[in-house]
Amino acid sequence: MLNQASFQIGNALQLGGIMARHATQSFIFKAGL
């Protein structure tokens, strides 16, 4: 049970990191940097 929860949390953090990186790249691209 605890292992499953930690796996889901890790998955969510990984996904969040990917989305944040994508958003940052998109922002930089739109800003023309």
PDB file of N, CA and C in Angstrom:
ATOM      1  N   MET A   1       0.846  -1.211   0.000  1.00  0.00           N
ATOM      2  CA  MET A   1       0.000   0.000   0.000  1.00  0.00           C
ATOM      3  C   MET A   1       0.875   1.253   0.000  1.00  0.00           C
ATOM      4  N   LEU A   2       1.805   1.315   0.935  1.00  0.00           N
ATOM      5  CA  LEU A   2       2.686   2.480   1.027  1.00  0.00           C
ATOM      6  C   LEU A   2       3.559   2.572  -0.221  1.00  0.00           C
ATOM      7  N   ASN A   3       4.008   1.407  -0.694  1.00  0.00           N
ATOM      8  CA  ASN A   3       4.847   1.375  -1.890  1.00  0.00           C
ATOM      9  C   ASN A   3       4.085   1.925  -3.095  1.00  0.00           C
ATOM     10  N   GLN A   4       2.812   1.547  -3.210  1.00  0.00           N
ATOM     11  CA  GLN A   4       1.969   2.013  -4.317  1.00  0.00           C
ATOM     12  C   GLN A   4       1.813   3.533  -4.253  1.00  0.00           C
ATOM     13  N   ALA A   5       1.606   4.057  -3.054  1.00  0.00           N
ATOM     14  CA  ALA A   5       1.416   5.497  -2.884  1.00  0.00           C
ATOM     15  C   ALA A   5       2.687   6.250  -3.263  1.00  0.00           C
ATOM     16  N   SER A   6       3.826   5.766  -2.818  1.00  0.00           N
ATOM     17  CA  SER A   6       5.088   6.445  -3.128  1.00  0.00           C
ATOM     18  C   SER A   6       5.380   6.381  -4.622  1.00  0.00           C
ATOM     19  N   PHE A   7       4.969   5.287  -5.261  1.00  0.00           N
ATOM     20  CA  PHE A   7       5.151   5.156  -6.705  1.00  0.00           C
ATOM     21  C   PHE A   7       4.312   6.206  -7.434  1.00  0.00           C
ATOM     22  N   GLN A   8       3.062   6.373  -6.999  1.00  0.00           N
ATOM     23  CA  GLN A   8       2.167   7.354  -7.623  1.00  0.00           C
ATOM     24  C   GLN A   8       2.680   8.767  -7.404  1.00  0.00           C
ATOM     25  N   ILE A   9       3.207   9.051  -6.206  1.00  0.00           N
ATOM     26  CA  ILE A   9       3.758  10.380  -5.914  1.00  0.00           C
ATOM     27  C   ILE A   9       4.969  10.642  -6.804  1.00  0.00           C
ATOM     28  N   GLY A  10       5.833   9.659  -6.929  1.00  0.00           N
ATOM     29  CA  GLY A  10       7.013   9.797  -7.782  1.00  0.00           C
ATOM     30  C   GLY A  10       6.617  10.015  -9.233  1.00  0.00           C
ATOM     31  N   ASN A  11       5.603   9.305  -9.678  1.00  0.00           N
ATOM     32  CA  ASN A  11       5.101   9.441 -11.041  1.00  0.00           C
ATOM     33  C   ASN A  11       4.559  10.850 -11.269  1.00  0.00           C
ATOM     34  N   ALA A  12       3.797  11.361 -10.291  1.00  0.00           N
ATOM     35  CA  ALA A  12       3.214  12.697 -10.394  1.00  0.00           C
ATOM     36  C   ALA A  12       4.314  13.757 -10.438  1.00  0.00           C
ATOM     37  N   LEU A  13       5.344  13.590  -9.616  1.00  0.00           N
ATOM     38  CA  LEU A  13       6.448  14.550  -9.597  1.00  0.00           C
ATOM     39  C   LEU A  13       7.191  14.536 -10.922  1.00  0.00           C
ATOM     40  N   GLN A  14       7.395  13.351 -11.468  1.00  0.00           N
ATOM     41  CA  GLN A  14       8.089  13.223 -12.749  1.00  0.00           C
ATOM     42  C   GLN A  14       7.285  13.906 -13.848  1.00  0.00           C
ATOM     43  N   LEU A  15       5.976  13.645 -13.857  1.00  0.00           N
ATOM     44  CA  LEU A  15       5.097  14.256 -14.854  1.00  0.00           C
ATOM     45  C   LEU A  15       5.084  15.767 -14.688  1.00  0.00           C
ATOM     46  N   GLY A  16       5.023  16.232 -13.443  1.00  0.00           N
ATOM     47  CA  GLY A  16       5.036  17.666 -13.169  1.00  0.00           C
ATOM     48  C   GLY A  16       6.318  18.308 -13.670  1.00  0.00           C
ATOM     49  N   GLY A  17       7.436  17.616 -13.476  1.00  0.00           N
ATOM     50  CA  GLY A  17       8.720  18.132 -13.934  1.00  0.00           C
ATOM     51  C   GLY A  17       8.768  18.248 -15.454  1.00  0.00           C
ATOM     52  N   ILE A  18       8.216  17.246 -16.136  1.00  0.00           N
ATOM     53  CA  ILE A  18       8.187  17.261 -17.603  1.00  0.00           C
ATOM     54  C   ILE A  18       7.323  18.430 -18.083  1.00  0.00           C
ATOM     55  N   MET A  19       6.167  18.606 -17.460  1.00  0.00           N
ATOM     56  CA  MET A  19       5.265  19.688 -17.865  1.00  0.00           C
ATOM     57  C   MET A  19       5.884  21.055 -17.575  1.00  0.00           C
ATOM     58  N   ALA A  20       6.563  21.174 -16.444  1.00  0.00           N
ATOM     59  CA  ALA A  20       7.204  22.444 -16.092  1.00  0.00           C
ATOM     60  C   ALA A  20       8.303  22.771 -17.093  1.00  0.00           C
ATOM     61  N   ARG A  21       9.076  21.761 -17.474  1.00  0.00           N
ATOM     62  CA  ARG A  21      10.162  21.971 -18.432  1.00  0.00           C
ATOM     63  C   ARG A  21       9.585  22.373 -19.790  1.00  0.00           C
ATOM     64  N   HIS A  22       8.500  21.716 -20.188  1.00  0.00           N
ATOM     65  CA  HIS A  22       7.856  22.034 -21.457  1.00  0.00           C
ATOM     66  C   HIS A  22       7.318  23.468 -21.440  1.00  0.00           C
ATOM     67  N   ALA A  23       6.690  23.856 -20.320  1.00  0.00           N
ATOM     68  CA  ALA A  23       6.138  25.203 -20.186  1.00  0.00           C
ATOM     69  C   ALA A  23       7.260  26.239 -20.240  1.00  0.00           C
ATOM     70  N   THR A  24       8.389  25.924 -19.616  1.00  0.00           N
ATOM     71  CA  THR A  24       9.532  26.841 -19.617  1.00  0.00           C
ATOM     72  C   THR A  24      10.072  27.020 -21.028  1.00  0.00           C
ATOM     73  N   GLN A  25      10.224  25.921 -21.752  1.00  0.00           N
ATOM     74  CA  GLN A  25      10.722  25.984 -23.127  1.00  0.00           C
ATOM     75  C   GLN A  25       9.758  26.785 -23.996  1.00  0.00           C
ATOM     76  N   SER A  26       8.451  26.571 -23.788  1.00  0.00           N
ATOM     77  CA  SER A  26       7.433  27.274 -24.565  1.00  0.00           C
ATOM     78  C   SER A  26       7.494  28.769 -24.271  1.00  0.00           C
ATOM     79  N   PHE A  27       7.662  29.116 -23.001  1.00  0.00           N
ATOM     80  CA  PHE A  27       7.738  30.521 -22.605  1.00  0.00           C
ATOM     81  C   PHE A  27       8.972  31.184 -23.212  1.00  0.00           C
ATOM     82  N   ILE A  28      10.113  30.493 -23.142  1.00  0.00           N
ATOM     83  CA  ILE A  28      11.351  31.028 -23.710  1.00  0.00           C
ATOM     84  C   ILE A  28      11.202  31.220 -25.217  1.00  0.00           C
ATOM     85  N   PHE A  29      10.564  30.260 -25.859  1.00  0.00           N
ATOM     86  CA  PHE A  29      10.361  30.344 -27.305  1.00  0.00           C
ATOM     87  C   PHE A  29       9.490  31.549 -27.662  1.00  0.00           C
ATOM     88  N   LYS A  30       8.404  31.740 -26.902  1.00  0.00           N
ATOM     89  CA  LYS A  30       7.492  32.859 -27.164  1.00  0.00           C
ATOM     90  C   LYS A  30       8.162  34.189 -26.837  1.00  0.00           C
ATOM     91  N   ALA A  31       9.032  34.195 -25.831  1.00  0.00           N
ATOM     92  CA  ALA A  31       9.718  35.429 -25.453  1.00  0.00           C
ATOM     93  C   ALA A  31      10.825  35.767 -26.458  1.00  0.00           C
ATOM     94  N   GLY A  32      11.203  34.777 -27.267  1.00  0.00           N
ATOM     95  CA  GLY A  32      12.210  35.006 -28.300  1.00  0.00           C
ATOM     96  C   GLY A  32      13.628  35.046 -27.753  1.00  0.00           C
ATOM     97  N   LEU A  33      13.853  34.391 -26.641  1.00  0.00           N
ATOM     98  CA  LEU A  33      15.195  34.391 -26.044  1.00  0.00           C
ATOM     99  C   LEU A  33      16.107  33.377 -26.721  1.00  0.00           C
TER     100      LEU A  33
END
